[in-house]
Amino acid sequence: MTVLNKQKVGLFGGTFDPVHDGHLAVARHVLACCDIQYILFIPAPHPPHKKNTSTSFLQRVDMLNLALEGEEHLRVSLIENEYPGPSYTVRTIKELKQRQIDVEHYLIIGADSLVDLPHWYKANELIALVNLIVAGRNKVAVPTVAETINSFHIPYTCYKTGHKWILENGKTIQYLRDIEWSVSSSELRWQLAQGKRPSMMSPSVYRYIIENKLYLHRGPS
């Protein structure tokens, strides 16, 4: 099966501690403009960049399932809970490629994560394995995105719009400057610890948090 005929699947990884409407807004936007068939939300049991999470893996999975209820093209994958050790993205991508041989995968990240990507575990190997869809984050400018892509030292062709790059290895990087990933889970945790109800959270997730007494007396982290 050629790349053109392969099913296109988005991969949205993170701790989701907790999941919020900003995550869903990015995912829906990707579905609408990137010709993606469906998106897998992949919660990390052991995120390598964080020593601890505020809630357990199963609680974060419960909240994801509640947030995605009724979303036909948004699904939860527990693949990173199937192996021990840190939840490295490159490891997950390799496993998914073995299981889904007729799929072209697109990793969805924020622009801040793209800038940090050269410091990820086996970053060069990851860039060779998966396409990237980059959502605007924290006012990261297009020139900064372009500078980061230049730092990969992989020849590329840039679309005239300047928002999509085709790398020599055949993978693509698409920058979605028309959506801003502005809210963060740490901000919501702080609001919840203050007894406030975050506006960027589904009622079902908020109800779960209250019923299970999560995020009490915790500030940003």
N, C-alpha and C. Protein backbone atom coordinates (compact mmCIF):
# COMPACT_ATOMS: atom_id res chain seq x y z
N MET A 1 0.85 -1.19 0.00
CA MET A 1 0.00 0.00 0.00
C MET A 1 0.88 1.24 0.00
N THR A 2 0.61 2.18 -0.88
CA THR A 2 1.41 3.39 -0.97
C THR A 2 1.03 4.35 0.15
N VAL A 3 1.92 5.36 0.37
CA VAL A 3 1.66 6.35 1.40
C VAL A 3 0.34 7.07 1.13
N LEU A 4 0.07 7.36 -0.17
CA LEU A 4 -1.14 8.09 -0.53
C LEU A 4 -2.40 7.33 -0.16
N ASN A 5 -2.34 5.99 -0.16
CA ASN A 5 -3.51 5.18 0.12
C ASN A 5 -3.64 4.77 1.58
N LYS A 6 -2.62 5.07 2.38
CA LYS A 6 -2.65 4.67 3.77
C LYS A 6 -3.63 5.50 4.58
N GLN A 7 -4.20 4.86 5.58
CA GLN A 7 -5.04 5.60 6.51
C GLN A 7 -4.16 6.53 7.34
N LYS A 8 -4.64 7.74 7.59
CA LYS A 8 -3.87 8.72 8.35
C LYS A 8 -4.43 8.80 9.77
N VAL A 9 -3.55 8.57 10.74
CA VAL A 9 -3.96 8.53 12.14
C VAL A 9 -3.12 9.51 12.95
N GLY A 10 -3.79 10.35 13.71
CA GLY A 10 -3.09 11.28 14.58
C GLY A 10 -2.78 10.65 15.92
N LEU A 11 -1.65 11.06 16.52
CA LEU A 11 -1.23 10.57 17.82
C LEU A 11 -1.04 11.75 18.76
N PHE A 12 -1.78 11.76 19.84
CA PHE A 12 -1.78 12.88 20.77
C PHE A 12 -1.35 12.34 22.13
N GLY A 13 -0.08 12.49 22.47
CA GLY A 13 0.43 11.97 23.73
C GLY A 13 0.52 13.04 24.80
N GLY A 14 0.61 12.60 26.05
CA GLY A 14 0.74 13.54 27.15
C GLY A 14 0.35 12.91 28.47
N THR A 15 0.45 13.67 29.53
CA THR A 15 0.03 13.16 30.83
C THR A 15 -1.48 13.34 31.02
N PHE A 16 -2.05 14.40 30.41
CA PHE A 16 -3.49 14.68 30.54
C PHE A 16 -3.89 14.70 32.01
N ASP A 17 -3.24 15.59 32.75
CA ASP A 17 -3.37 15.63 34.21
C ASP A 17 -3.83 17.02 34.68
N PRO A 18 -5.11 17.40 34.40
CA PRO A 18 -6.16 16.62 33.74
C PRO A 18 -6.32 17.02 32.27
N VAL A 19 -7.10 16.21 31.53
CA VAL A 19 -7.49 16.56 30.17
C VAL A 19 -8.41 17.78 30.24
N HIS A 20 -8.32 18.65 29.22
CA HIS A 20 -9.15 19.85 29.22
C HIS A 20 -9.62 20.17 27.80
N ASP A 21 -10.45 21.20 27.69
CA ASP A 21 -11.05 21.55 26.41
C ASP A 21 -10.02 22.00 25.38
N GLY A 22 -8.87 22.50 25.85
CA GLY A 22 -7.81 22.88 24.92
C GLY A 22 -7.28 21.69 24.15
N HIS A 23 -7.13 20.54 24.83
CA HIS A 23 -6.71 19.32 24.15
C HIS A 23 -7.71 18.95 23.05
N LEU A 24 -8.98 18.98 23.40
CA LEU A 24 -10.02 18.59 22.44
C LEU A 24 -10.11 19.58 21.28
N ALA A 25 -9.92 20.86 21.55
CA ALA A 25 -9.98 21.87 20.49
C ALA A 25 -8.89 21.64 19.45
N VAL A 26 -7.69 21.33 19.92
CA VAL A 26 -6.58 21.03 19.00
C VAL A 26 -6.90 19.79 18.18
N ALA A 27 -7.38 18.73 18.84
CA ALA A 27 -7.68 17.49 18.14
C ALA A 27 -8.77 17.69 17.09
N ARG A 28 -9.82 18.41 17.43
CA ARG A 28 -10.90 18.65 16.46
C ARG A 28 -10.40 19.48 15.28
N HIS A 29 -9.53 20.43 15.56
CA HIS A 29 -8.99 21.27 14.48
C HIS A 29 -8.14 20.43 13.53
N VAL A 30 -7.34 19.53 14.09
CA VAL A 30 -6.51 18.63 13.26
C VAL A 30 -7.40 17.77 12.37
N LEU A 31 -8.47 17.23 12.95
CA LEU A 31 -9.39 16.41 12.16
C LEU A 31 -10.00 17.21 11.01
N ALA A 32 -10.28 18.48 11.27
CA ALA A 32 -10.97 19.31 10.29
C ALA A 32 -10.07 19.76 9.14
N CYS A 33 -8.79 19.94 9.40
CA CYS A 33 -7.94 20.56 8.38
C CYS A 33 -6.77 19.72 7.90
N CYS A 34 -6.54 18.54 8.48
CA CYS A 34 -5.32 17.78 8.14
C CYS A 34 -5.61 16.42 7.50
N ASP A 35 -6.85 16.15 7.12
CA ASP A 35 -7.20 14.90 6.45
C ASP A 35 -6.81 13.68 7.29
N ILE A 36 -7.04 13.78 8.60
CA ILE A 36 -6.76 12.69 9.54
C ILE A 36 -8.06 11.93 9.78
N GLN A 37 -7.98 10.57 9.74
CA GLN A 37 -9.19 9.76 9.91
C GLN A 37 -9.64 9.69 11.38
N TYR A 38 -8.68 9.51 12.29
CA TYR A 38 -9.01 9.52 13.71
C TYR A 38 -7.74 9.82 14.49
N ILE A 39 -7.92 10.16 15.77
CA ILE A 39 -6.80 10.52 16.63
C ILE A 39 -6.79 9.65 17.87
N LEU A 40 -5.62 9.12 18.19
CA LEU A 40 -5.42 8.35 19.41
C LEU A 40 -4.85 9.26 20.50
N PHE A 41 -5.56 9.39 21.61
CA PHE A 41 -5.02 10.06 22.79
C PHE A 41 -4.24 9.01 23.57
N ILE A 42 -2.96 9.27 23.82
CA ILE A 42 -2.08 8.27 24.43
C ILE A 42 -1.55 8.81 25.76
N PRO A 43 -2.21 8.48 26.87
CA PRO A 43 -1.72 8.95 28.18
C PRO A 43 -0.43 8.22 28.57
N ALA A 44 0.48 8.95 29.19
CA ALA A 44 1.78 8.38 29.58
C ALA A 44 1.73 7.94 31.04
N PRO A 45 1.94 6.64 31.30
CA PRO A 45 1.98 6.17 32.69
C PRO A 45 3.19 6.72 33.44
N HIS A 46 4.33 6.81 32.73
CA HIS A 46 5.59 7.23 33.34
C HIS A 46 6.26 8.28 32.46
N PRO A 47 5.74 9.51 32.43
CA PRO A 47 6.32 10.54 31.57
C PRO A 47 7.77 10.82 31.96
N PRO A 48 8.71 10.75 31.00
CA PRO A 48 10.12 10.92 31.33
C PRO A 48 10.48 12.31 31.82
N HIS A 49 9.66 13.32 31.51
CA HIS A 49 9.97 14.69 31.89
C HIS A 49 9.34 15.11 33.21
N LYS A 50 8.60 14.19 33.86
CA LYS A 50 7.98 14.51 35.14
C LYS A 50 8.24 13.38 36.13
N LYS A 51 8.64 13.75 37.36
CA LYS A 51 8.89 12.74 38.38
C LYS A 51 7.59 12.11 38.87
N ASN A 52 6.57 12.95 39.04
CA ASN A 52 5.29 12.47 39.55
C ASN A 52 4.14 13.19 38.85
N THR A 53 2.99 12.51 38.80
CA THR A 53 1.77 13.16 38.34
C THR A 53 0.87 13.36 39.55
N SER A 54 -0.09 14.28 39.41
CA SER A 54 -0.98 14.59 40.54
C SER A 54 -2.01 13.50 40.77
N THR A 55 -2.27 12.69 39.75
CA THR A 55 -3.28 11.63 39.83
C THR A 55 -2.69 10.34 39.27
N SER A 56 -3.36 9.24 39.51
CA SER A 56 -2.87 7.95 39.02
C SER A 56 -3.13 7.81 37.52
N PHE A 57 -2.46 6.87 36.91
CA PHE A 57 -2.67 6.61 35.48
C PHE A 57 -4.12 6.25 35.20
N LEU A 58 -4.70 5.38 36.02
CA LEU A 58 -6.08 4.94 35.79
C LEU A 58 -7.06 6.11 35.95
N GLN A 59 -6.79 7.01 36.87
CA GLN A 59 -7.66 8.18 37.01
C GLN A 59 -7.58 9.08 35.80
N ARG A 60 -6.38 9.24 35.25
CA ARG A 60 -6.23 10.07 34.06
C ARG A 60 -6.90 9.41 32.85
N VAL A 61 -6.85 8.09 32.80
CA VAL A 61 -7.56 7.36 31.73
C VAL A 61 -9.07 7.54 31.88
N ASP A 62 -9.57 7.44 33.10
CA ASP A 62 -11.00 7.65 33.34
C ASP A 62 -11.43 9.03 32.85
N MET A 63 -10.65 10.05 33.17
CA MET A 63 -11.00 11.41 32.77
C MET A 63 -10.97 11.56 31.25
N LEU A 64 -10.00 10.93 30.61
CA LEU A 64 -9.94 10.97 29.15
C LEU A 64 -11.18 10.32 28.54
N ASN A 65 -11.56 9.17 29.05
CA ASN A 65 -12.73 8.49 28.51
C ASN A 65 -13.99 9.33 28.67
N LEU A 66 -14.09 10.03 29.78
CA LEU A 66 -15.25 10.90 29.99
C LEU A 66 -15.23 12.08 29.02
N ALA A 67 -14.05 12.67 28.83
CA ALA A 67 -13.92 13.84 27.96
C ALA A 67 -14.20 13.49 26.50
N LEU A 68 -13.85 12.27 26.09
CA LEU A 68 -13.98 11.88 24.68
C LEU A 68 -15.28 11.15 24.39
N GLU A 69 -16.13 11.02 25.38
CA GLU A 69 -17.41 10.31 25.17
C GLU A 69 -18.22 11.01 24.08
N GLY A 70 -18.65 10.23 23.09
CA GLY A 70 -19.43 10.77 21.98
C GLY A 70 -18.60 11.31 20.84
N GLU A 71 -17.27 11.34 21.01
CA GLU A 71 -16.37 11.81 19.95
C GLU A 71 -15.93 10.61 19.10
N GLU A 72 -16.60 10.42 17.98
CA GLU A 72 -16.40 9.22 17.17
C GLU A 72 -14.96 9.06 16.68
N HIS A 73 -14.29 10.16 16.40
CA HIS A 73 -12.95 10.10 15.80
C HIS A 73 -11.82 10.39 16.79
N LEU A 74 -12.16 10.42 18.07
CA LEU A 74 -11.16 10.62 19.12
C LEU A 74 -11.20 9.41 20.05
N ARG A 75 -10.07 8.71 20.17
CA ARG A 75 -10.04 7.47 20.92
C ARG A 75 -8.87 7.46 21.91
N VAL A 76 -8.99 6.62 22.94
CA VAL A 76 -7.93 6.47 23.93
C VAL A 76 -7.15 5.19 23.65
N SER A 77 -5.82 5.30 23.68
CA SER A 77 -4.95 4.13 23.53
C SER A 77 -4.13 3.96 24.80
N LEU A 78 -4.08 2.74 25.31
CA LEU A 78 -3.32 2.44 26.53
C LEU A 78 -2.00 1.75 26.21
N ILE A 79 -1.49 1.96 25.01
CA ILE A 79 -0.30 1.24 24.56
C ILE A 79 0.91 1.48 25.45
N GLU A 80 1.03 2.69 26.01
CA GLU A 80 2.22 2.99 26.81
C GLU A 80 2.16 2.35 28.19
N ASN A 81 1.02 1.76 28.53
CA ASN A 81 0.91 1.03 29.79
C ASN A 81 1.25 -0.44 29.62
N GLU A 82 1.61 -0.83 28.40
CA GLU A 82 1.89 -2.24 28.12
C GLU A 82 3.35 -2.60 28.30
N TYR A 83 4.19 -1.60 28.53
CA TYR A 83 5.60 -1.90 28.75
C TYR A 83 6.13 -1.06 29.91
N PRO A 84 7.13 -1.58 30.63
CA PRO A 84 7.66 -0.87 31.80
C PRO A 84 8.61 0.25 31.39
N GLY A 85 8.95 1.07 32.36
CA GLY A 85 9.93 2.12 32.11
C GLY A 85 9.30 3.39 31.59
N PRO A 86 10.13 4.41 31.31
CA PRO A 86 9.64 5.71 30.84
C PRO A 86 8.84 5.60 29.55
N SER A 87 7.87 6.49 29.41
CA SER A 87 6.99 6.49 28.22
C SER A 87 7.63 7.31 27.10
N TYR A 88 8.66 6.76 26.48
CA TYR A 88 9.35 7.47 25.41
C TYR A 88 8.53 7.42 24.12
N THR A 89 8.36 8.57 23.48
CA THR A 89 7.55 8.65 22.27
C THR A 89 8.08 7.76 21.16
N VAL A 90 9.38 7.74 20.98
CA VAL A 90 9.96 6.95 19.88
C VAL A 90 9.63 5.46 20.05
N ARG A 91 9.61 5.01 21.27
CA ARG A 91 9.28 3.60 21.55
C ARG A 91 7.83 3.31 21.18
N THR A 92 6.95 4.24 21.52
CA THR A 92 5.53 4.08 21.21
C THR A 92 5.30 4.08 19.70
N ILE A 93 5.96 4.99 18.99
CA ILE A 93 5.80 5.06 17.54
C ILE A 93 6.25 3.75 16.88
N LYS A 94 7.36 3.21 17.31
CA LYS A 94 7.85 1.94 16.75
C LYS A 94 6.84 0.83 16.95
N GLU A 95 6.27 0.76 18.15
CA GLU A 95 5.30 -0.30 18.45
C GLU A 95 4.05 -0.13 17.60
N LEU A 96 3.58 1.10 17.45
CA LEU A 96 2.38 1.35 16.65
C LEU A 96 2.62 1.01 15.18
N LYS A 97 3.80 1.30 14.67
CA LYS A 97 4.10 1.01 13.28
C LYS A 97 4.12 -0.50 13.02
N GLN A 98 4.50 -1.27 14.02
CA GLN A 98 4.47 -2.73 13.88
C GLN A 98 3.04 -3.25 13.88
N ARG A 99 2.17 -2.61 14.66
CA ARG A 99 0.80 -3.07 14.78
C ARG A 99 -0.09 -2.55 13.65
N GLN A 100 0.23 -1.35 13.14
CA GLN A 100 -0.61 -0.71 12.14
C GLN A 100 0.22 -0.45 10.88
N ILE A 101 0.49 -1.51 10.14
CA ILE A 101 1.40 -1.40 9.00
C ILE A 101 0.78 -0.63 7.83
N ASP A 102 -0.52 -0.51 7.80
CA ASP A 102 -1.20 0.19 6.71
C ASP A 102 -1.62 1.60 7.13
N VAL A 103 -0.91 2.16 8.09
CA VAL A 103 -1.26 3.48 8.64
C VAL A 103 -0.07 4.43 8.53
N GLU A 104 -0.34 5.68 8.20
CA GLU A 104 0.65 6.74 8.25
C GLU A 104 0.34 7.56 9.51
N HIS A 105 1.32 7.65 10.41
CA HIS A 105 1.09 8.28 11.70
C HIS A 105 1.54 9.74 11.70
N TYR A 106 0.76 10.56 12.42
CA TYR A 106 1.03 11.99 12.55
C TYR A 106 1.04 12.36 14.04
N LEU A 107 2.20 12.73 14.54
CA LEU A 107 2.35 13.08 15.94
C LEU A 107 1.94 14.55 16.15
N ILE A 108 0.99 14.78 17.04
CA ILE A 108 0.47 16.12 17.31
C ILE A 108 1.16 16.68 18.55
N ILE A 109 1.86 17.81 18.38
CA ILE A 109 2.57 18.43 19.50
C ILE A 109 2.37 19.94 19.46
N GLY A 110 2.67 20.60 20.56
CA GLY A 110 2.65 22.05 20.59
C GLY A 110 3.95 22.61 20.05
N ALA A 111 3.93 23.88 19.65
CA ALA A 111 5.14 24.51 19.11
C ALA A 111 6.26 24.54 20.14
N ASP A 112 5.92 24.65 21.42
CA ASP A 112 6.95 24.62 22.45
C ASP A 112 7.64 23.26 22.51
N SER A 113 6.87 22.20 22.29
CA SER A 113 7.46 20.85 22.27
C SER A 113 8.34 20.66 21.05
N LEU A 114 7.96 21.26 19.91
CA LEU A 114 8.81 21.19 18.71
C LEU A 114 10.16 21.83 18.99
N VAL A 115 10.14 23.00 19.63
CA VAL A 115 11.40 23.68 19.94
C VAL A 115 12.27 22.82 20.85
N ASP A 116 11.65 22.06 21.72
CA ASP A 116 12.38 21.20 22.66
C ASP A 116 12.71 19.84 22.07
N LEU A 117 12.16 19.53 20.91
CA LEU A 117 12.28 18.19 20.32
C LEU A 117 13.72 17.70 20.18
N PRO A 118 14.69 18.55 19.78
CA PRO A 118 16.07 18.05 19.68
C PRO A 118 16.61 17.45 20.96
N HIS A 119 15.98 17.75 22.11
CA HIS A 119 16.44 17.21 23.39
C HIS A 119 15.68 15.96 23.80
N TRP A 120 14.72 15.53 22.99
CA TRP A 120 13.96 14.33 23.32
C TRP A 120 14.82 13.09 23.16
N TYR A 121 14.40 12.01 23.78
CA TYR A 121 15.10 10.72 23.69
C TYR A 121 15.07 10.22 22.24
N LYS A 122 16.24 9.98 21.67
CA LYS A 122 16.40 9.51 20.29
C LYS A 122 15.61 10.37 19.31
N ALA A 123 15.82 11.68 19.40
CA ALA A 123 15.05 12.63 18.59
C ALA A 123 15.22 12.40 17.10
N ASN A 124 16.45 12.18 16.64
CA ASN A 124 16.69 11.98 15.20
C ASN A 124 15.95 10.76 14.67
N GLU A 125 15.91 9.72 15.47
CA GLU A 125 15.19 8.51 15.08
C GLU A 125 13.69 8.77 15.02
N LEU A 126 13.19 9.54 15.97
CA LEU A 126 11.77 9.88 16.00
C LEU A 126 11.38 10.69 14.77
N ILE A 127 12.19 11.68 14.40
CA ILE A 127 11.90 12.52 13.24
C ILE A 127 11.85 11.71 11.96
N ALA A 128 12.62 10.63 11.90
CA ALA A 128 12.63 9.78 10.72
C ALA A 128 11.44 8.84 10.66
N LEU A 129 10.73 8.69 11.79
CA LEU A 129 9.66 7.69 11.87
C LEU A 129 8.26 8.26 11.65
N VAL A 130 8.06 9.53 11.98
CA VAL A 130 6.68 10.03 12.07
C VAL A 130 6.56 11.44 11.51
N ASN A 131 5.39 11.74 10.94
CA ASN A 131 5.07 13.10 10.52
C ASN A 131 4.69 13.92 11.76
N LEU A 132 4.88 15.22 11.68
CA LEU A 132 4.57 16.10 12.80
C LEU A 132 3.48 17.10 12.42
N ILE A 133 2.51 17.27 13.30
CA ILE A 133 1.52 18.34 13.19
C ILE A 133 1.72 19.21 14.43
N VAL A 134 2.06 20.47 14.20
CA VAL A 134 2.46 21.36 15.28
C VAL A 134 1.40 22.44 15.50
N ALA A 135 0.83 22.49 16.70
CA ALA A 135 -0.15 23.51 17.05
C ALA A 135 0.56 24.69 17.69
N GLY A 136 0.07 25.90 17.41
CA GLY A 136 0.65 27.10 18.02
C GLY A 136 0.59 27.01 19.53
N ARG A 137 1.66 27.49 20.18
CA ARG A 137 1.71 27.42 21.64
C ARG A 137 2.56 28.55 22.20
N ASN A 138 2.02 29.24 23.18
CA ASN A 138 2.77 30.27 23.89
C ASN A 138 3.42 31.28 22.96
N LYS A 139 2.71 31.61 21.89
CA LYS A 139 3.16 32.63 20.94
C LYS A 139 4.53 32.31 20.33
N VAL A 140 4.80 31.04 20.08
CA VAL A 140 6.02 30.65 19.37
C VAL A 140 5.86 31.06 17.91
N ALA A 141 6.74 31.90 17.41
CA ALA A 141 6.61 32.48 16.08
C ALA A 141 7.06 31.50 15.00
N VAL A 142 6.55 31.72 13.79
CA VAL A 142 6.92 30.87 12.65
C VAL A 142 8.43 30.84 12.44
N PRO A 143 9.16 31.97 12.52
CA PRO A 143 10.62 31.90 12.35
C PRO A 143 11.30 30.96 13.35
N THR A 144 10.77 30.91 14.58
CA THR A 144 11.34 30.00 15.58
C THR A 144 11.09 28.56 15.18
N VAL A 145 9.91 28.28 14.65
CA VAL A 145 9.61 26.93 14.16
C VAL A 145 10.56 26.57 13.03
N ALA A 146 10.77 27.50 12.10
CA ALA A 146 11.66 27.24 10.96
C ALA A 146 13.10 27.03 11.43
N GLU A 147 13.54 27.80 12.40
CA GLU A 147 14.90 27.64 12.94
C GLU A 147 15.07 26.26 13.56
N THR A 148 14.04 25.80 14.26
CA THR A 148 14.10 24.48 14.88
C THR A 148 14.21 23.39 13.82
N ILE A 149 13.42 23.52 12.76
CA ILE A 149 13.46 22.52 11.68
C ILE A 149 14.83 22.53 11.01
N ASN A 150 15.42 23.70 10.84
CA ASN A 150 16.77 23.79 10.28
C ASN A 150 17.78 23.05 11.15
N SER A 151 17.55 23.07 12.46
CA SER A 151 18.49 22.43 13.39
C SER A 151 18.48 20.91 13.29
N PHE A 152 17.45 20.35 12.62
CA PHE A 152 17.41 18.90 12.45
C PHE A 152 18.46 18.42 11.44
N HIS A 153 18.97 19.35 10.63
CA HIS A 153 19.99 19.03 9.62
C HIS A 153 19.51 17.97 8.63
N ILE A 154 18.24 18.07 8.27
CA ILE A 154 17.66 17.20 7.25
C ILE A 154 17.17 18.09 6.11
N PRO A 155 17.67 17.93 4.88
CA PRO A 155 17.19 18.76 3.77
C PRO A 155 15.68 18.67 3.63
N TYR A 156 15.06 19.78 3.23
CA TYR A 156 13.61 19.82 3.12
C TYR A 156 13.17 20.76 2.02
N THR A 157 11.91 20.60 1.63
CA THR A 157 11.24 21.53 0.72
C THR A 157 10.13 22.21 1.50
N CYS A 158 10.05 23.53 1.38
CA CYS A 158 9.05 24.29 2.11
C CYS A 158 7.94 24.74 1.16
N TYR A 159 6.69 24.52 1.56
CA TYR A 159 5.56 25.02 0.77
C TYR A 159 5.62 26.55 0.70
N LYS A 160 5.02 27.12 -0.32
CA LYS A 160 5.04 28.58 -0.50
C LYS A 160 4.43 29.31 0.69
N THR A 161 3.47 28.67 1.36
CA THR A 161 2.83 29.31 2.51
C THR A 161 3.79 29.45 3.69
N GLY A 162 4.84 28.62 3.70
CA GLY A 162 5.80 28.66 4.79
C GLY A 162 5.35 27.98 6.05
N HIS A 163 4.27 27.18 5.95
CA HIS A 163 3.74 26.51 7.13
C HIS A 163 3.78 24.99 7.02
N LYS A 164 4.40 24.48 5.96
CA LYS A 164 4.54 23.04 5.81
C LYS A 164 5.88 22.73 5.17
N TRP A 165 6.55 21.74 5.74
CA TRP A 165 7.87 21.34 5.27
C TRP A 165 7.84 19.86 4.93
N ILE A 166 8.43 19.48 3.80
CA ILE A 166 8.59 18.07 3.42
C ILE A 166 10.07 17.73 3.56
N LEU A 167 10.38 16.85 4.48
CA LEU A 167 11.76 16.49 4.73
C LEU A 167 12.26 15.48 3.71
N GLU A 168 13.56 15.44 3.55
CA GLU A 168 14.16 14.52 2.59
C GLU A 168 13.85 13.07 2.93
N ASN A 169 13.60 12.78 4.19
CA ASN A 169 13.28 11.41 4.59
C ASN A 169 11.83 11.04 4.28
N GLY A 170 11.08 11.97 3.65
CA GLY A 170 9.71 11.68 3.24
C GLY A 170 8.65 12.10 4.24
N LYS A 171 9.06 12.47 5.45
CA LYS A 171 8.11 12.89 6.46
C LYS A 171 7.79 14.38 6.31
N THR A 172 6.66 14.78 6.88
CA THR A 172 6.24 16.18 6.78
C THR A 172 6.11 16.81 8.16
N ILE A 173 6.25 18.12 8.19
CA ILE A 173 5.99 18.91 9.39
C ILE A 173 5.02 20.01 8.99
N GLN A 174 3.85 20.04 9.62
CA GLN A 174 2.83 21.04 9.31
C GLN A 174 2.58 21.89 10.54
N TYR A 175 2.70 23.21 10.39
CA TYR A 175 2.49 24.14 11.49
C TYR A 175 1.11 24.77 11.37
N LEU A 176 0.27 24.58 12.38
CA LEU A 176 -1.09 25.12 12.38
C LEU A 176 -1.09 26.44 13.14
N ARG A 177 -0.84 27.51 12.44
CA ARG A 177 -0.74 28.81 13.11
C ARG A 177 -2.12 29.39 13.40
N ASP A 178 -3.19 28.76 12.89
CA ASP A 178 -4.53 29.30 13.09
C ASP A 178 -5.22 28.74 14.32
N ILE A 179 -4.48 28.01 15.17
CA ILE A 179 -5.04 27.58 16.44
C ILE A 179 -3.97 27.75 17.51
N GLU A 180 -4.37 28.26 18.64
CA GLU A 180 -3.44 28.52 19.74
C GLU A 180 -3.76 27.59 20.90
N TRP A 181 -2.78 26.80 21.30
CA TRP A 181 -2.91 25.89 22.44
C TRP A 181 -2.55 26.70 23.69
N SER A 182 -3.51 27.43 24.21
CA SER A 182 -3.20 28.45 25.20
C SER A 182 -3.33 28.00 26.65
N VAL A 183 -4.21 27.06 26.92
CA VAL A 183 -4.44 26.64 28.30
C VAL A 183 -3.51 25.49 28.65
N SER A 184 -3.14 25.38 29.93
CA SER A 184 -2.28 24.28 30.37
C SER A 184 -2.93 23.54 31.53
N SER A 185 -2.58 22.27 31.67
CA SER A 185 -3.13 21.46 32.76
C SER A 185 -2.69 22.00 34.11
N SER A 186 -1.47 22.55 34.19
CA SER A 186 -1.00 23.08 35.48
C SER A 186 -1.86 24.25 35.94
N GLU A 187 -2.32 25.08 35.00
CA GLU A 187 -3.20 26.19 35.36
C GLU A 187 -4.52 25.66 35.93
N LEU A 188 -5.05 24.60 35.31
CA LEU A 188 -6.31 24.02 35.79
C LEU A 188 -6.13 23.38 37.15
N ARG A 189 -4.99 22.72 37.37
CA ARG A 189 -4.74 22.12 38.69
C ARG A 189 -4.72 23.20 39.77
N TRP A 190 -4.12 24.34 39.45
CA TRP A 190 -4.06 25.44 40.41
C TRP A 190 -5.46 25.96 40.71
N GLN A 191 -6.27 26.13 39.67
CA GLN A 191 -7.64 26.60 39.87
C GLN A 191 -8.43 25.63 40.75
N LEU A 192 -8.30 24.35 40.47
CA LEU A 192 -9.02 23.33 41.24
C LEU A 192 -8.57 23.33 42.70
N ALA A 193 -7.27 23.52 42.93
CA ALA A 193 -6.75 23.56 44.30
C ALA A 193 -7.29 24.75 45.07
N GLN A 194 -7.66 25.82 44.33
CA GLN A 194 -8.24 27.00 44.96
C GLN A 194 -9.76 26.90 45.11
N GLY A 195 -10.32 25.75 44.74
CA GLY A 195 -11.74 25.56 44.85
C GLY A 195 -12.54 26.18 43.72
N LYS A 196 -11.86 26.53 42.63
CA LYS A 196 -12.53 27.14 41.48
C LYS A 196 -12.89 26.07 40.45
N ARG A 197 -13.92 26.34 39.68
CA ARG A 197 -14.30 25.45 38.59
C ARG A 197 -13.73 25.99 37.28
N PRO A 198 -12.78 25.28 36.67
CA PRO A 198 -12.17 25.76 35.42
C PRO A 198 -13.20 25.83 34.30
N SER A 199 -13.12 26.88 33.51
CA SER A 199 -14.05 27.03 32.40
C SER A 199 -13.70 26.11 31.24
N MET A 200 -12.42 25.71 31.14
CA MET A 200 -11.97 24.88 30.02
C MET A 200 -11.98 23.40 30.37
N MET A 201 -13.07 22.94 30.94
CA MET A 201 -13.15 21.53 31.37
C MET A 201 -14.59 21.05 31.22
N SER A 202 -14.75 19.84 30.72
CA SER A 202 -16.10 19.31 30.52
C SER A 202 -16.75 19.03 31.87
N PRO A 203 -18.07 19.16 31.95
CA PRO A 203 -18.78 18.91 33.21
C PRO A 203 -18.54 17.51 33.76
N SER A 204 -18.45 16.52 32.88
CA SER A 204 -18.27 15.14 33.35
C SER A 204 -16.90 14.95 33.99
N VAL A 205 -15.86 15.59 33.42
CA VAL A 205 -14.52 15.50 34.01
C VAL A 205 -14.48 16.24 35.34
N TYR A 206 -15.10 17.41 35.39
CA TYR A 206 -15.13 18.17 36.64
C TYR A 206 -15.86 17.40 37.73
N ARG A 207 -16.96 16.77 37.38
CA ARG A 207 -17.73 15.97 38.34
C ARG A 207 -16.88 14.81 38.87
N TYR A 208 -16.12 14.16 37.99
CA TYR A 208 -15.25 13.06 38.40
C TYR A 208 -14.19 13.55 39.38
N ILE A 209 -13.62 14.72 39.10
CA ILE A 209 -12.59 15.29 39.97
C ILE A 209 -13.16 15.58 41.36
N ILE A 210 -14.35 16.15 41.40
CA ILE A 210 -14.97 16.48 42.69
C ILE A 210 -15.32 15.21 43.46
N GLU A 211 -15.89 14.24 42.76
CA GLU A 211 -16.31 12.99 43.42
C GLU A 211 -15.12 12.23 43.99
N ASN A 212 -13.98 12.32 43.32
CA ASN A 212 -12.78 11.59 43.75
C ASN A 212 -11.80 12.46 44.53
N LYS A 213 -12.20 13.70 44.80
CA LYS A 213 -11.39 14.62 45.61
C LYS A 213 -9.95 14.76 45.07
N LEU A 214 -9.85 15.03 43.77
CA LEU A 214 -8.54 15.16 43.12
C LEU A 214 -8.08 16.61 43.12
N TYR A 215 -6.77 16.77 43.04
CA TYR A 215 -6.11 18.08 42.90
C TYR A 215 -6.37 19.02 44.08
N LEU A 216 -6.53 18.48 45.27
CA LEU A 216 -6.75 19.32 46.45
C LEU A 216 -5.42 19.83 46.99
N HIS A 217 -5.39 21.13 47.31
CA HIS A 217 -4.23 21.76 47.95
C HIS A 217 -2.94 21.58 47.17
N ARG A 218 -3.05 21.70 45.85
CA ARG A 218 -1.86 21.61 45.01
C ARG A 218 -1.79 22.86 44.15
N GLY A 219 -0.61 23.38 43.98
CA GLY A 219 -0.38 24.53 43.13
C GLY A 219 0.20 24.10 41.80
N PRO A 220 0.62 25.06 40.96
CA PRO A 220 1.21 24.74 39.65
C PRO A 220 2.47 23.92 39.82
N SER A 221 2.75 23.05 38.84
CA SER A 221 3.99 22.27 38.85
C SER A 221 4.48 22.09 37.44
